[in-house]
């Protein structure tokens, strides 16, 4: 599990399970994709990492990390945005018992913007 958590924490942003698997095999050649998925799910359950979905693809990222993401409409890349909502304030104002949130902003990432495409 340590190899998997280190891979997620070393990633510069969200990472998909297949990428984690490929990097884990460099250190543990006999690790299976199923083992990687089980470890990722355990890490999410324990609160050590977080997950989000882009379409039908699960992405994992270090926790605590922003739950606000920019999804590039050109390349599809998901990147974190340093912005946090106050769930306590929203709960107080709405009367809702909130457990968490995920905010997805859609736009053009810096790399695509700099290409002018």
PDB file of N, CA and C in Angstrom:
ATOM      1  N   UNK A   1       0.830  -1.189   0.000  1.00  0.00           N
ATOM      2  CA  UNK A   1       0.000   0.000   0.000  1.00  0.00           C
ATOM      3  C   UNK A   1       0.873   1.250   0.000  1.00  0.00           C
ATOM      4  N   UNK A   2       2.055   1.170   0.597  1.00  0.00           N
ATOM      5  CA  UNK A   2       2.934   2.328   0.669  1.00  0.00           C
ATOM      6  C   UNK A   2       3.354   2.784  -0.726  1.00  0.00           C
ATOM      7  N   UNK A   3       3.650   1.843  -1.616  1.00  0.00           N
ATOM      8  CA  UNK A   3       4.049   2.196  -2.980  1.00  0.00           C
ATOM      9  C   UNK A   3       2.922   2.956  -3.669  1.00  0.00           C
ATOM     10  N   UNK A   4       1.688   2.483  -3.521  1.00  0.00           N
ATOM     11  CA  UNK A   4       0.539   3.109  -4.173  1.00  0.00           C
ATOM     12  C   UNK A   4       0.309   4.513  -3.627  1.00  0.00           C
ATOM     13  N   UNK A   5       0.324   4.677  -2.316  1.00  0.00           N
ATOM     14  CA  UNK A   5       0.096   6.005  -1.744  1.00  0.00           C
ATOM     15  C   UNK A   5       1.212   6.970  -2.153  1.00  0.00           C
ATOM     16  N   UNK A   6       2.444   6.496  -2.205  1.00  0.00           N
ATOM     17  CA  UNK A   6       3.553   7.349  -2.625  1.00  0.00           C
ATOM     18  C   UNK A   6       3.395   7.805  -4.072  1.00  0.00           C
ATOM     19  N   UNK A   7       2.923   6.926  -4.929  1.00  0.00           N
ATOM     20  CA  UNK A   7       2.705   7.282  -6.335  1.00  0.00           C
ATOM     21  C   UNK A   7       1.649   8.382  -6.437  1.00  0.00           C
ATOM     22  N   UNK A   8       0.562   8.214  -5.706  1.00  0.00           N
ATOM     23  CA  UNK A   8      -0.512   9.221  -5.745  1.00  0.00           C
ATOM     24  C   UNK A   8      -0.009  10.555  -5.211  1.00  0.00           C
ATOM     25  N   UNK A   9       0.737  10.527  -4.113  1.00  0.00           N
ATOM     26  CA  UNK A   9       1.236  11.769  -3.519  1.00  0.00           C
ATOM     27  C   UNK A   9       2.329  12.414  -4.373  1.00  0.00           C
ATOM     28  N   UNK A  10       3.082  11.626  -5.134  1.00  0.00           N
ATOM     29  CA  UNK A  10       4.123  12.179  -5.999  1.00  0.00           C
ATOM     30  C   UNK A  10       3.573  12.745  -7.300  1.00  0.00           C
ATOM     31  N   UNK A  11       2.338  12.371  -7.648  1.00  0.00           N
ATOM     32  CA  UNK A  11       1.722  12.885  -8.880  1.00  0.00           C
ATOM     33  C   UNK A  11       1.488  14.384  -8.728  1.00  0.00           C
ATOM     34  N   UNK A  12       1.611  15.108  -9.821  1.00  0.00           N
ATOM     35  CA  UNK A  12       1.441  16.561  -9.775  1.00  0.00           C
ATOM     36  C   UNK A  12      -0.031  16.968  -9.797  1.00  0.00           C
ATOM     37  N   UNK A  13      -0.914  16.012  -9.923  1.00  0.00           N
ATOM     38  CA  UNK A  13      -2.354  16.263  -9.967  1.00  0.00           C
ATOM     39  C   UNK A  13      -3.057  14.927  -9.947  1.00  0.00           C
ATOM     40  N   UNK A  14      -4.310  14.898 -10.331  1.00  0.00           N
ATOM     41  CA  UNK A  14      -5.053  13.631 -10.343  1.00  0.00           C
ATOM     42  C   UNK A  14      -4.375  12.598 -11.244  1.00  0.00           C
ATOM     43  N   UNK A  15      -4.449  11.347 -10.831  1.00  0.00           N
ATOM     44  CA  UNK A  15      -3.829  10.244 -11.559  1.00  0.00           C
ATOM     45  C   UNK A  15      -4.841   9.101 -11.647  1.00  0.00           C
ATOM     46  N   UNK A  16      -4.876   8.416 -12.779  1.00  0.00           N
ATOM     47  CA  UNK A  16      -5.820   7.308 -12.953  1.00  0.00           C
ATOM     48  C   UNK A  16      -5.162   6.007 -12.512  1.00  0.00           C
ATOM     49  N   UNK A  17      -5.985   5.012 -12.231  1.00  0.00           N
ATOM     50  CA  UNK A  17      -5.494   3.733 -11.709  1.00  0.00           C
ATOM     51  C   UNK A  17      -4.502   3.066 -12.654  1.00  0.00           C
ATOM     52  N   UNK A  18      -4.732   3.149 -13.956  1.00  0.00           N
ATOM     53  CA  UNK A  18      -3.802   2.531 -14.904  1.00  0.00           C
ATOM     54  C   UNK A  18      -2.414   3.154 -14.814  1.00  0.00           C
ATOM     55  N   UNK A  19      -2.352   4.463 -14.589  1.00  0.00           N
ATOM     56  CA  UNK A  19      -1.053   5.124 -14.415  1.00  0.00           C
ATOM     57  C   UNK A  19      -0.391   4.672 -13.122  1.00  0.00           C
ATOM     58  N   UNK A  20      -1.185   4.561 -12.053  1.00  0.00           N
ATOM     59  CA  UNK A  20      -0.662   4.076 -10.777  1.00  0.00           C
ATOM     60  C   UNK A  20      -0.115   2.664 -10.955  1.00  0.00           C
ATOM     61  N   UNK A  21      -0.862   1.829 -11.650  1.00  0.00           N
ATOM     62  CA  UNK A  21      -0.458   0.442 -11.901  1.00  0.00           C
ATOM     63  C   UNK A  21       0.874   0.385 -12.657  1.00  0.00           C
ATOM     64  N   UNK A  22       0.988   1.177 -13.722  1.00  0.00           N
ATOM     65  CA  UNK A  22       2.211   1.188 -14.525  1.00  0.00           C
ATOM     66  C   UNK A  22       3.420   1.599 -13.669  1.00  0.00           C
ATOM     67  N   UNK A  23       3.262   2.635 -12.859  1.00  0.00           N
ATOM     68  CA  UNK A  23       4.356   3.098 -12.004  1.00  0.00           C
ATOM     69  C   UNK A  23       4.654   2.107 -10.879  1.00  0.00           C
ATOM     70  N   UNK A  24       3.618   1.477 -10.347  1.00  0.00           N
ATOM     71  CA  UNK A  24       3.815   0.494  -9.273  1.00  0.00           C
ATOM     72  C   UNK A  24       4.580  -0.725  -9.783  1.00  0.00           C
ATOM     73  N   UNK A  25       4.315  -1.126 -11.023  1.00  0.00           N
ATOM     74  CA  UNK A  25       5.018  -2.297 -11.603  1.00  0.00           C
ATOM     75  C   UNK A  25       6.511  -2.048 -11.751  1.00  0.00           C
ATOM     76  N   UNK A  26       6.914  -0.778 -11.836  1.00  0.00           N
ATOM     77  CA  UNK A  26       8.349  -0.478 -11.911  1.00  0.00           C
ATOM     78  C   UNK A  26       9.040  -0.836 -10.598  1.00  0.00           C
ATOM     79  N   UNK A  27       8.299  -0.727  -9.491  1.00  0.00           N
ATOM     80  CA  UNK A  27       8.864  -1.034  -8.172  1.00  0.00           C
ATOM     81  C   UNK A  27       8.505  -2.437  -7.715  1.00  0.00           C
ATOM     82  N   UNK A  28       7.321  -2.889  -8.081  1.00  0.00           N
ATOM     83  CA  UNK A  28       6.826  -4.219  -7.700  1.00  0.00           C
ATOM     84  C   UNK A  28       6.340  -4.932  -8.966  1.00  0.00           C
ATOM     85  N   UNK A  29       7.230  -5.584  -9.696  1.00  0.00           N
ATOM     86  CA  UNK A  29       6.881  -6.166 -10.994  1.00  0.00           C
ATOM     87  C   UNK A  29       5.714  -7.163 -10.976  1.00  0.00           C
ATOM     88  N   UNK A  30       5.448  -7.778  -9.828  1.00  0.00           N
ATOM     89  CA  UNK A  30       4.396  -8.794  -9.776  1.00  0.00           C
ATOM     90  C   UNK A  30       3.067  -8.270  -9.245  1.00  0.00           C
ATOM     91  N   UNK A  31       2.953  -6.973  -9.011  1.00  0.00           N
ATOM     92  CA  UNK A  31       1.702  -6.416  -8.495  1.00  0.00           C
ATOM     93  C   UNK A  31       0.623  -6.506  -9.576  1.00  0.00           C
ATOM     94  N   UNK A  32      -0.588  -6.814  -9.170  1.00  0.00           N
ATOM     95  CA  UNK A  32      -1.688  -6.925 -10.132  1.00  0.00           C
ATOM     96  C   UNK A  32      -2.510  -5.644 -10.146  1.00  0.00           C
ATOM     97  N   UNK A  33      -3.237  -5.456 -11.232  1.00  0.00           N
ATOM     98  CA  UNK A  33      -4.122  -4.292 -11.344  1.00  0.00           C
ATOM     99  C   UNK A  33      -5.188  -4.334 -10.254  1.00  0.00           C
ATOM    100  N   UNK A  34      -5.669  -5.536  -9.934  1.00  0.00           N
ATOM    101  CA  UNK A  34      -6.657  -5.696  -8.870  1.00  0.00           C
ATOM    102  C   UNK A  34      -6.126  -5.234  -7.526  1.00  0.00           C
ATOM    103  N   UNK A  35      -4.872  -5.544  -7.247  1.00  0.00           N
ATOM    104  CA  UNK A  35      -4.247  -5.110  -5.994  1.00  0.00           C
ATOM    105  C   UNK A  35      -4.150  -3.586  -5.951  1.00  0.00           C
ATOM    106  N   UNK A  36      -3.803  -2.979  -7.080  1.00  0.00           N
ATOM    107  CA  UNK A  36      -3.729  -1.516  -7.139  1.00  0.00           C
ATOM    108  C   UNK A  36      -5.103  -0.917  -6.855  1.00  0.00           C
ATOM    109  N   UNK A  37      -6.153  -1.440  -7.493  1.00  0.00           N
ATOM    110  CA  UNK A  37      -7.517  -0.937  -7.261  1.00  0.00           C
ATOM    111  C   UNK A  37      -7.935  -1.116  -5.800  1.00  0.00           C
ATOM    112  N   UNK A  38      -7.660  -2.287  -5.230  1.00  0.00           N
ATOM    113  CA  UNK A  38      -8.025  -2.521  -3.822  1.00  0.00           C
ATOM    114  C   UNK A  38      -7.328  -1.527  -2.906  1.00  0.00           C
ATOM    115  N   UNK A  39      -6.039  -1.285  -3.161  1.00  0.00           N
ATOM    116  CA  UNK A  39      -5.289  -0.337  -2.341  1.00  0.00           C
ATOM    117  C   UNK A  39      -5.803   1.086  -2.531  1.00  0.00           C
ATOM    118  N   UNK A  40      -6.107   1.473  -3.753  1.00  0.00           N
ATOM    119  CA  UNK A  40      -6.652   2.809  -3.994  1.00  0.00           C
ATOM    120  C   UNK A  40      -7.980   2.981  -3.250  1.00  0.00           C
ATOM    121  N   UNK A  41      -8.840   1.972  -3.323  1.00  0.00           N
ATOM    122  CA  UNK A  41     -10.134   2.057  -2.632  1.00  0.00           C
ATOM    123  C   UNK A  41      -9.962   2.112  -1.119  1.00  0.00           C
ATOM    124  N   UNK A  42      -9.021   1.346  -0.576  1.00  0.00           N
ATOM    125  CA  UNK A  42      -8.749   1.399   0.869  1.00  0.00           C
ATOM    126  C   UNK A  42      -8.234   2.772   1.278  1.00  0.00           C
ATOM    127  N   UNK A  43      -7.352   3.341   0.459  1.00  0.00           N
ATOM    128  CA  UNK A  43      -6.798   4.669   0.756  1.00  0.00           C
ATOM    129  C   UNK A  43      -7.878   5.743   0.707  1.00  0.00           C
ATOM    130  N   UNK A  44      -8.823   5.619  -0.225  1.00  0.00           N
ATOM    131  CA  UNK A  44      -9.948   6.555  -0.292  1.00  0.00           C
ATOM    132  C   UNK A  44     -10.813   6.395   0.956  1.00  0.00           C
ATOM    133  N   UNK A  45     -11.131   5.150   1.311  1.00  0.00           N
ATOM    134  CA  UNK A  45     -11.972   4.886   2.491  1.00  0.00           C
ATOM    135  C   UNK A  45     -11.346   5.404   3.773  1.00  0.00           C
ATOM    136  N   UNK A  46     -10.021   5.329   3.851  1.00  0.00           N
ATOM    137  CA  UNK A  46      -9.340   5.779   5.065  1.00  0.00           C
ATOM    138  C   UNK A  46      -9.124   7.292   5.083  1.00  0.00           C
ATOM    139  N   UNK A  47      -9.412   7.965   3.963  1.00  0.00           N
ATOM    140  CA  UNK A  47      -9.242   9.412   3.905  1.00  0.00           C
ATOM    141  C   UNK A  47      -7.827   9.852   3.567  1.00  0.00           C
ATOM    142  N   UNK A  48      -6.959   8.906   3.207  1.00  0.00           N
ATOM    143  CA  UNK A  48      -5.576   9.271   2.878  1.00  0.00           C
ATOM    144  C   UNK A  48      -5.453   9.876   1.477  1.00  0.00           C
ATOM    145  N   UNK A  49      -6.345   9.465   0.569  1.00  0.00           N
ATOM    146  CA  UNK A  49      -6.395  10.061  -0.762  1.00  0.00           C
ATOM    147  C   UNK A  49      -7.857  10.344  -1.091  1.00  0.00           C
ATOM    148  N   UNK A  50      -8.078  11.112  -2.133  1.00  0.00           N
ATOM    149  CA  UNK A  50      -9.434  11.424  -2.579  1.00  0.00           C
ATOM    150  C   UNK A  50      -9.597  10.937  -4.011  1.00  0.00           C
ATOM    151  N   UNK A  51     -10.845  10.890  -4.458  1.00  0.00           N
ATOM    152  CA  UNK A  51     -11.119  10.482  -5.831  1.00  0.00           C
ATOM    153  C   UNK A  51     -12.187  11.373  -6.443  1.00  0.00           C
ATOM    154  N   UNK A  52     -12.165  11.437  -7.740  1.00  0.00           N
ATOM    155  CA  UNK A  52     -13.191  12.135  -8.497  1.00  0.00           C
ATOM    156  C   UNK A  52     -13.343  11.386  -9.810  1.00  0.00           C
ATOM    157  N   UNK A  53     -14.388  11.662 -10.546  1.00  0.00           N
ATOM    158  CA  UNK A  53     -14.589  11.014 -11.840  1.00  0.00           C
ATOM    159  C   UNK A  53     -14.587  12.059 -12.941  1.00  0.00           C
ATOM    160  N   UNK A  54     -13.941  11.716 -14.032  1.00  0.00           N
ATOM    161  CA  UNK A  54     -13.995  12.505 -15.253  1.00  0.00           C
ATOM    162  C   UNK A  54     -14.675  11.600 -16.258  1.00  0.00           C
ATOM    163  N   UNK A  55     -15.936  11.898 -16.546  1.00  0.00           N
ATOM    164  CA  UNK A  55     -16.730  10.976 -17.348  1.00  0.00           C
ATOM    165  C   UNK A  55     -16.898   9.699 -16.563  1.00  0.00           C
ATOM    166  N   UNK A  56     -16.404   8.593 -17.107  1.00  0.00           N
ATOM    167  CA  UNK A  56     -16.500   7.312 -16.393  1.00  0.00           C
ATOM    168  C   UNK A  56     -15.152   6.894 -15.796  1.00  0.00           C
ATOM    169  N   UNK A  57     -14.151   7.762 -15.865  1.00  0.00           N
ATOM    170  CA  UNK A  57     -12.807   7.426 -15.391  1.00  0.00           C
ATOM    171  C   UNK A  57     -12.589   7.972 -13.984  1.00  0.00           C
ATOM    172  N   UNK A  58     -12.180   7.084 -13.064  1.00  0.00           N
ATOM    173  CA  UNK A  58     -11.851   7.494 -11.699  1.00  0.00           C
ATOM    174  C   UNK A  58     -10.457   8.075 -11.667  1.00  0.00           C
ATOM    175  N   UNK A  59     -10.314   9.236 -11.025  1.00  0.00           N
ATOM    176  CA  UNK A  59      -9.004   9.858 -10.822  1.00  0.00           C
ATOM    177  C   UNK A  59      -8.759   9.950  -9.331  1.00  0.00           C
ATOM    178  N   UNK A  60      -7.518   9.765  -8.928  1.00  0.00           N
ATOM    179  CA  UNK A  60      -7.149   9.790  -7.518  1.00  0.00           C
ATOM    180  C   UNK A  60      -6.150  10.914  -7.291  1.00  0.00           C
ATOM    181  N   UNK A  61      -6.197  11.518  -6.106  1.00  0.00           N
ATOM    182  CA  UNK A  61      -5.260  12.589  -5.788  1.00  0.00           C
ATOM    183  C   UNK A  61      -5.015  12.640  -4.301  1.00  0.00           C
ATOM    184  N   UNK A  62      -3.875  13.246  -3.951  1.00  0.00           N
ATOM    185  CA  UNK A  62      -3.460  13.331  -2.552  1.00  0.00           C
ATOM    186  C   UNK A  62      -4.496  14.090  -1.734  1.00  0.00           C
ATOM    187  N   UNK A  63      -4.658  13.675  -0.504  1.00  0.00           N
ATOM    188  CA  UNK A  63      -5.612  14.317   0.397  1.00  0.00           C
ATOM    189  C   UNK A  63      -4.858  14.798   1.618  1.00  0.00           C
ATOM    190  N   UNK A  64      -5.070  15.922   2.209  1.00  0.00           N
ATOM    191  CA  UNK A  64      -6.129  16.832   1.775  1.00  0.00           C
ATOM    192  C   UNK A  64      -5.706  17.602   0.531  1.00  0.00           C
ATOM    193  N   UNK A  65      -6.600  17.756  -0.366  1.00  0.00           N
ATOM    194  CA  UNK A  65      -6.359  18.444  -1.612  1.00  0.00           C
ATOM    195  C   UNK A  65      -7.640  19.171  -1.960  1.00  0.00           C
ATOM    196  N   UNK A  66      -7.531  20.140  -2.781  1.00  0.00           N
ATOM    197  CA  UNK A  66      -8.712  20.893  -3.173  1.00  0.00           C
ATOM    198  C   UNK A  66      -9.747  19.973  -3.805  1.00  0.00           C
ATOM    199  N   UNK A  67     -10.995  20.175  -3.471  1.00  0.00           N
ATOM    200  CA  UNK A  67     -12.088  19.450  -4.110  1.00  0.00           C
ATOM    201  C   UNK A  67     -12.650  20.254  -5.275  1.00  0.00           C
ATOM    202  N   UNK A  68     -11.875  21.224  -5.732  1.00  0.00           N
ATOM    203  CA  UNK A  68     -12.260  22.044  -6.862  1.00  0.00           C
ATOM    204  C   UNK A  68     -11.302  21.742  -8.008  1.00  0.00           C
ATOM    205  N   UNK A  69     -11.860  21.423  -9.167  1.00  0.00           N
ATOM    206  CA  UNK A  69     -11.049  21.018 -10.307  1.00  0.00           C
ATOM    207  C   UNK A  69     -11.425  21.799 -11.553  1.00  0.00           C
ATOM    208  N   UNK A  70     -10.448  21.993 -12.433  1.00  0.00           N
ATOM    209  CA  UNK A  70     -10.677  22.549 -13.760  1.00  0.00           C
ATOM    210  C   UNK A  70     -10.562  21.405 -14.746  1.00  0.00           C
ATOM    211  N   UNK A  71     -11.597  21.205 -15.535  1.00  0.00           N
ATOM    212  CA  UNK A  71     -11.561  20.206 -16.598  1.00  0.00           C
ATOM    213  C   UNK A  71     -11.372  20.960 -17.906  1.00  0.00           C
ATOM    214  N   UNK A  72     -10.256  20.699 -18.586  1.00  0.00           N
ATOM    215  CA  UNK A  72      -9.966  21.396 -19.836  1.00  0.00           C
ATOM    216  C   UNK A  72     -10.892  20.870 -20.931  1.00  0.00           C
ATOM    217  N   UNK A  73     -11.591  21.783 -21.594  1.00  0.00           N
ATOM    218  CA  UNK A  73     -12.528  21.395 -22.645  1.00  0.00           C
ATOM    219  C   UNK A  73     -11.804  21.037 -23.946  1.00  0.00           C
ATOM    220  N   UNK A  74     -10.499  21.328 -24.002  1.00  0.00           N
ATOM    221  CA  UNK A  74      -9.727  21.002 -25.215  1.00  0.00           C
ATOM    222  C   UNK A  74      -9.017  19.659 -25.087  1.00  0.00           C
ATOM    223  N   UNK A  75      -8.249  19.470 -24.009  1.00  0.00           N
ATOM    224  CA  UNK A  75      -7.457  18.231 -23.881  1.00  0.00           C
ATOM    225  C   UNK A  75      -8.058  17.237 -22.886  1.00  0.00           C
ATOM    226  N   UNK A  76      -9.045  17.662 -22.093  1.00  0.00           N
ATOM    227  CA  UNK A  76      -9.692  16.770 -21.131  1.00  0.00           C
ATOM    228  C   UNK A  76      -8.955  16.610 -19.824  1.00  0.00           C
ATOM    229  N   UNK A  77      -7.805  17.280 -19.682  1.00  0.00           N
ATOM    230  CA  UNK A  77      -7.001  17.167 -18.461  1.00  0.00           C
ATOM    231  C   UNK A  77      -7.768  17.736 -17.271  1.00  0.00           C
ATOM    232  N   UNK A  78      -7.586  17.106 -16.129  1.00  0.00           N
ATOM    233  CA  UNK A  78      -8.194  17.566 -14.890  1.00  0.00           C
ATOM    234  C   UNK A  78      -7.078  18.111 -14.007  1.00  0.00           C
ATOM    235  N   UNK A  79      -7.224  19.338 -13.539  1.00  0.00           N
ATOM    236  CA  UNK A  79      -6.214  19.919 -12.652  1.00  0.00           C
ATOM    237  C   UNK A  79      -6.908  20.536 -11.451  1.00  0.00           C
ATOM    238  N   UNK A  80      -6.171  20.622 -10.358  1.00  0.00           N
ATOM    239  CA  UNK A  80      -6.717  21.150  -9.117  1.00  0.00           C
ATOM    240  C   UNK A  80      -6.675  22.661  -9.108  1.00  0.00           C
ATOM    241  N   UNK A  81      -7.676  23.253  -8.473  1.00  0.00           N
ATOM    242  CA  UNK A  81      -7.766  24.694  -8.323  1.00  0.00           C
ATOM    243  C   UNK A  81      -7.776  24.978  -6.827  1.00  0.00           C
ATOM    244  N   UNK A  82      -6.940  25.896  -6.401  1.00  0.00           N
ATOM    245  CA  UNK A  82      -6.844  26.227  -4.973  1.00  0.00           C
ATOM    246  C   UNK A  82      -8.033  27.094  -4.570  1.00  0.00           C
ATOM    247  N   UNK A  83      -9.148  26.436  -4.280  1.00  0.00           N
ATOM    248  CA  UNK A  83     -10.357  27.129  -3.857  1.00  0.00           C
ATOM    249  C   UNK A  83     -11.148  26.179  -2.972  1.00  0.00           C
ATOM    250  N   UNK A  84     -11.534  26.632  -1.829  1.00  0.00           N
ATOM    251  CA  UNK A  84     -12.295  25.793  -0.899  1.00  0.00           C
ATOM    252  C   UNK A  84     -13.582  26.516  -0.494  1.00  0.00           C
ATOM    253  N   UNK A  85     -14.649  25.768  -0.381  1.00  0.00           N
ATOM    254  CA  UNK A  85     -15.919  26.284   0.120  1.00  0.00           C
ATOM    255  C   UNK A  85     -16.018  25.970   1.606  1.00  0.00           C
ATOM    256  N   UNK A  86     -16.726  26.786   2.332  1.00  0.00           N
ATOM    257  CA  UNK A  86     -16.953  26.526   3.749  1.00  0.00           C
ATOM    258  C   UNK A  86     -18.241  25.723   3.901  1.00  0.00           C
ATOM    259  N   UNK A  87     -18.091  24.406   4.089  1.00  0.00           N
ATOM    260  CA  UNK A  87     -19.273  23.565   4.262  1.00  0.00           C
ATOM    261  C   UNK A  87     -20.029  23.938   5.528  1.00  0.00           C
ATOM    262  N   UNK A  88     -19.295  24.359   6.546  1.00  0.00           N
ATOM    263  CA  UNK A  88     -19.935  24.769   7.793  1.00  0.00           C
ATOM    264  C   UNK A  88     -20.838  25.982   7.553  1.00  0.00           C
ATOM    265  N   UNK A  89     -20.353  26.945   6.792  1.00  0.00           N
ATOM    266  CA  UNK A  89     -21.145  28.141   6.490  1.00  0.00           C
ATOM    267  C   UNK A  89     -22.356  27.799   5.630  1.00  0.00           C
ATOM    268  N   UNK A  90     -22.143  26.963   4.622  1.00  0.00           N
ATOM    269  CA  UNK A  90     -23.255  26.571   3.750  1.00  0.00           C
ATOM    270  C   UNK A  90     -24.288  25.785   4.537  1.00  0.00           C
ATOM    271  N   UNK A  91     -23.846  24.894   5.419  1.00  0.00           N
ATOM    272  CA  UNK A  91     -24.779  24.140   6.267  1.00  0.00           C
ATOM    273  C   UNK A  91     -25.596  25.081   7.141  1.00  0.00           C
ATOM    274  N   UNK A  92     -24.924  26.048   7.709  1.00  0.00           N
ATOM    275  CA  UNK A  92     -25.597  27.014   8.583  1.00  0.00           C
ATOM    276  C   UNK A  92     -26.650  27.811   7.815  1.00  0.00           C
ATOM    277  N   UNK A  93     -26.289  28.231   6.591  1.00  0.00           N
ATOM    278  CA  UNK A  93     -27.199  29.049   5.787  1.00  0.00           C
ATOM    279  C   UNK A  93     -28.356  28.257   5.198  1.00  0.00           C
ATOM    280  N   UNK A  94     -28.142  26.988   4.877  1.00  0.00           N
ATOM    281  CA  UNK A  94     -29.173  26.203   4.195  1.00  0.00           C
ATOM    282  C   UNK A  94     -29.900  25.212   5.091  1.00  0.00           C
ATOM    283  N   UNK A  95     -29.289  24.885   6.233  1.00  0.00           N
ATOM    284  CA  UNK A  95     -29.870  23.876   7.108  1.00  0.00           C
ATOM    285  C   UNK A  95     -29.583  22.458   6.646  1.00  0.00           C
ATOM    286  N   UNK A  96     -28.749  22.304   5.621  1.00  0.00           N
ATOM    287  CA  UNK A  96     -28.397  20.977   5.113  1.00  0.00           C
ATOM    288  C   UNK A  96     -27.265  20.375   5.922  1.00  0.00           C
ATOM    289  N   UNK A  97     -27.293  19.068   6.083  1.00  0.00           N
ATOM    290  CA  UNK A  97     -26.213  18.345   6.756  1.00  0.00           C
ATOM    291  C   UNK A  97     -25.249  17.870   5.674  1.00  0.00           C
ATOM    292  N   UNK A  98     -24.217  18.653   5.386  1.00  0.00           N
ATOM    293  CA  UNK A  98     -23.297  18.374   4.293  1.00  0.00           C
ATOM    294  C   UNK A  98     -22.114  17.535   4.755  1.00  0.00           C
ATOM    295  N   UNK A  99     -21.685  16.630   3.899  1.00  0.00           N
ATOM    296  CA  UNK A  99     -20.544  15.765   4.205  1.00  0.00           C
ATOM    297  C   UNK A  99     -19.327  16.111   3.370  1.00  0.00           C
ATOM    298  N   UNK A 100     -19.500  16.798   2.276  1.00  0.00           N
ATOM    299  CA  UNK A 100     -18.394  17.123   1.398  1.00  0.00           C
ATOM    300  C   UNK A 100     -18.913  17.757   0.132  1.00  0.00           C
ATOM    301  N   UNK A 101     -18.005  18.080  -0.750  1.00  0.00           N
ATOM    302  CA  UNK A 101     -18.403  18.650  -2.025  1.00  0.00           C
ATOM    303  C   UNK A 101     -17.344  18.380  -3.076  1.00  0.00           C
ATOM    304  N   UNK A 102     -17.754  18.549  -4.324  1.00  0.00           N
ATOM    305  CA  UNK A 102     -16.837  18.524  -5.448  1.00  0.00           C
ATOM    306  C   UNK A 102     -17.337  19.562  -6.441  1.00  0.00           C
ATOM    307  N   UNK A 103     -16.450  20.460  -6.824  1.00  0.00           N
ATOM    308  CA  UNK A 103     -16.793  21.525  -7.756  1.00  0.00           C
ATOM    309  C   UNK A 103     -15.946  21.345  -9.001  1.00  0.00           C
ATOM    310  N   UNK A 104     -16.571  21.236 -10.156  1.00  0.00           N
ATOM    311  CA  UNK A 104     -15.850  21.068 -11.415  1.00  0.00           C
ATOM    312  C   UNK A 104     -16.071  22.296 -12.265  1.00  0.00           C
ATOM    313  N   UNK A 105     -14.983  22.991 -12.563  1.00  0.00           N
ATOM    314  CA  UNK A 105     -15.008  24.146 -13.450  1.00  0.00           C
ATOM    315  C   UNK A 105     -14.577  23.673 -14.829  1.00  0.00           C
ATOM    316  N   UNK A 106     -15.201  24.164 -15.867  1.00  0.00           N
ATOM    317  CA  UNK A 106     -14.826  23.763 -17.226  1.00  0.00           C
ATOM    318  C   UNK A 106     -14.287  24.984 -17.944  1.00  0.00           C
ATOM    319  N   UNK A 107     -13.160  24.799 -18.610  1.00  0.00           N
ATOM    320  CA  UNK A 107     -12.522  25.880 -19.335  1.00  0.00           C
ATOM    321  C   UNK A 107     -11.310  25.347 -20.070  1.00  0.00           C
ATOM    322  N   UNK A 108     -10.354  26.216 -20.341  1.00  0.00           N
ATOM    323  CA  UNK A 108      -9.148  25.844 -21.076  1.00  0.00           C
ATOM    324  C   UNK A 108      -7.954  25.926 -20.135  1.00  0.00           C
ATOM    325  N   UNK A 109      -7.170  24.843 -20.063  1.00  0.00           N
ATOM    326  CA  UNK A 109      -5.996  24.823 -19.193  1.00  0.00           C
ATOM    327  C   UNK A 109      -4.915  25.759 -19.733  1.00  0.00           C
ATOM    328  N   UNK A 110      -3.944  26.078 -18.907  1.00  0.00           N
ATOM    329  CA  UNK A 110      -2.867  27.000 -19.301  1.00  0.00           C
ATOM    330  C   UNK A 110      -2.080  26.468 -20.485  1.00  0.00           C
ATOM    331  N   UNK A 111      -1.820  25.156 -20.500  1.00  0.00           N
ATOM    332  CA  UNK A 111      -1.043  24.577 -21.595  1.00  0.00           C
ATOM    333  C   UNK A 111      -1.754  24.725 -22.942  1.00  0.00           C
ATOM    334  N   UNK A 112      -3.054  24.435 -22.965  1.00  0.00           N
ATOM    335  CA  UNK A 112      -3.812  24.574 -24.219  1.00  0.00           C
ATOM    336  C   UNK A 112      -3.940  26.062 -24.603  1.00  0.00           C
ATOM    337  N   UNK A 113      -4.122  26.905 -23.607  1.00  0.00           N
ATOM    338  CA  UNK A 113      -4.239  28.345 -23.864  1.00  0.00           C
ATOM    339  C   UNK A 113      -2.941  28.887 -24.474  1.00  0.00           C
ATOM    340  N   UNK A 114      -1.796  28.389 -23.973  1.00  0.00           N
ATOM    341  CA  UNK A 114      -0.511  28.887 -24.487  1.00  0.00           C
ATOM    342  C   UNK A 114      -0.223  28.382 -25.901  1.00  0.00           C
ATOM    343  N   UNK A 115      -0.847  27.252 -26.285  1.00  0.00           N
ATOM    344  CA  UNK A 115      -0.691  26.736 -27.647  1.00  0.00           C
ATOM    345  C   UNK A 115      -1.533  27.522 -28.633  1.00  0.00           C
ATOM    346  N   UNK A 116      -2.528  28.246 -28.083  1.00  0.00           N
ATOM    347  CA  UNK A 116      -3.394  29.029 -28.951  1.00  0.00           C
ATOM    348  C   UNK A 116      -4.334  28.179 -29.784  1.00  0.00           C
ATOM    349  N   UNK A 117      -4.519  26.917 -29.348  1.00  0.00           N
ATOM    350  CA  UNK A 117      -5.395  26.040 -30.126  1.00  0.00           C
ATOM    351  C   UNK A 117      -6.821  26.092 -29.683  1.00  0.00           C
TER     352      UNK A 117
END
